[in-house]
Amino acid sequence: KPSAALQRYVEERFAREDGILADLRRALKDRGFPEIQVSPSTGRTLQLLVAASGGMRVLEVGTLGGYSAI
């Protein structure tokens, strides 16, 4: 697992959290949802994999609060 400093660096340079996603993350936390959504860097990696594969549709199983579906 990467260090906290490396994780912050990657997220600041490569995967900044969109304002809508940040708002959703805070709302989910305020409503008592567990903080198990994907990280911004994992979400960006998934986005790149879908784009690289030419995928037009994605099926997400187990959306919890819908964070990664956005």
Foldseek 3Di string as FASTA:
>chain_A
DDDPVVVVVCCVPPFPDDPVLVVLQVVCVVVPFDPPDDDRNVLSVVVVVCVVVVHPDDDDDDCRSVSSVD
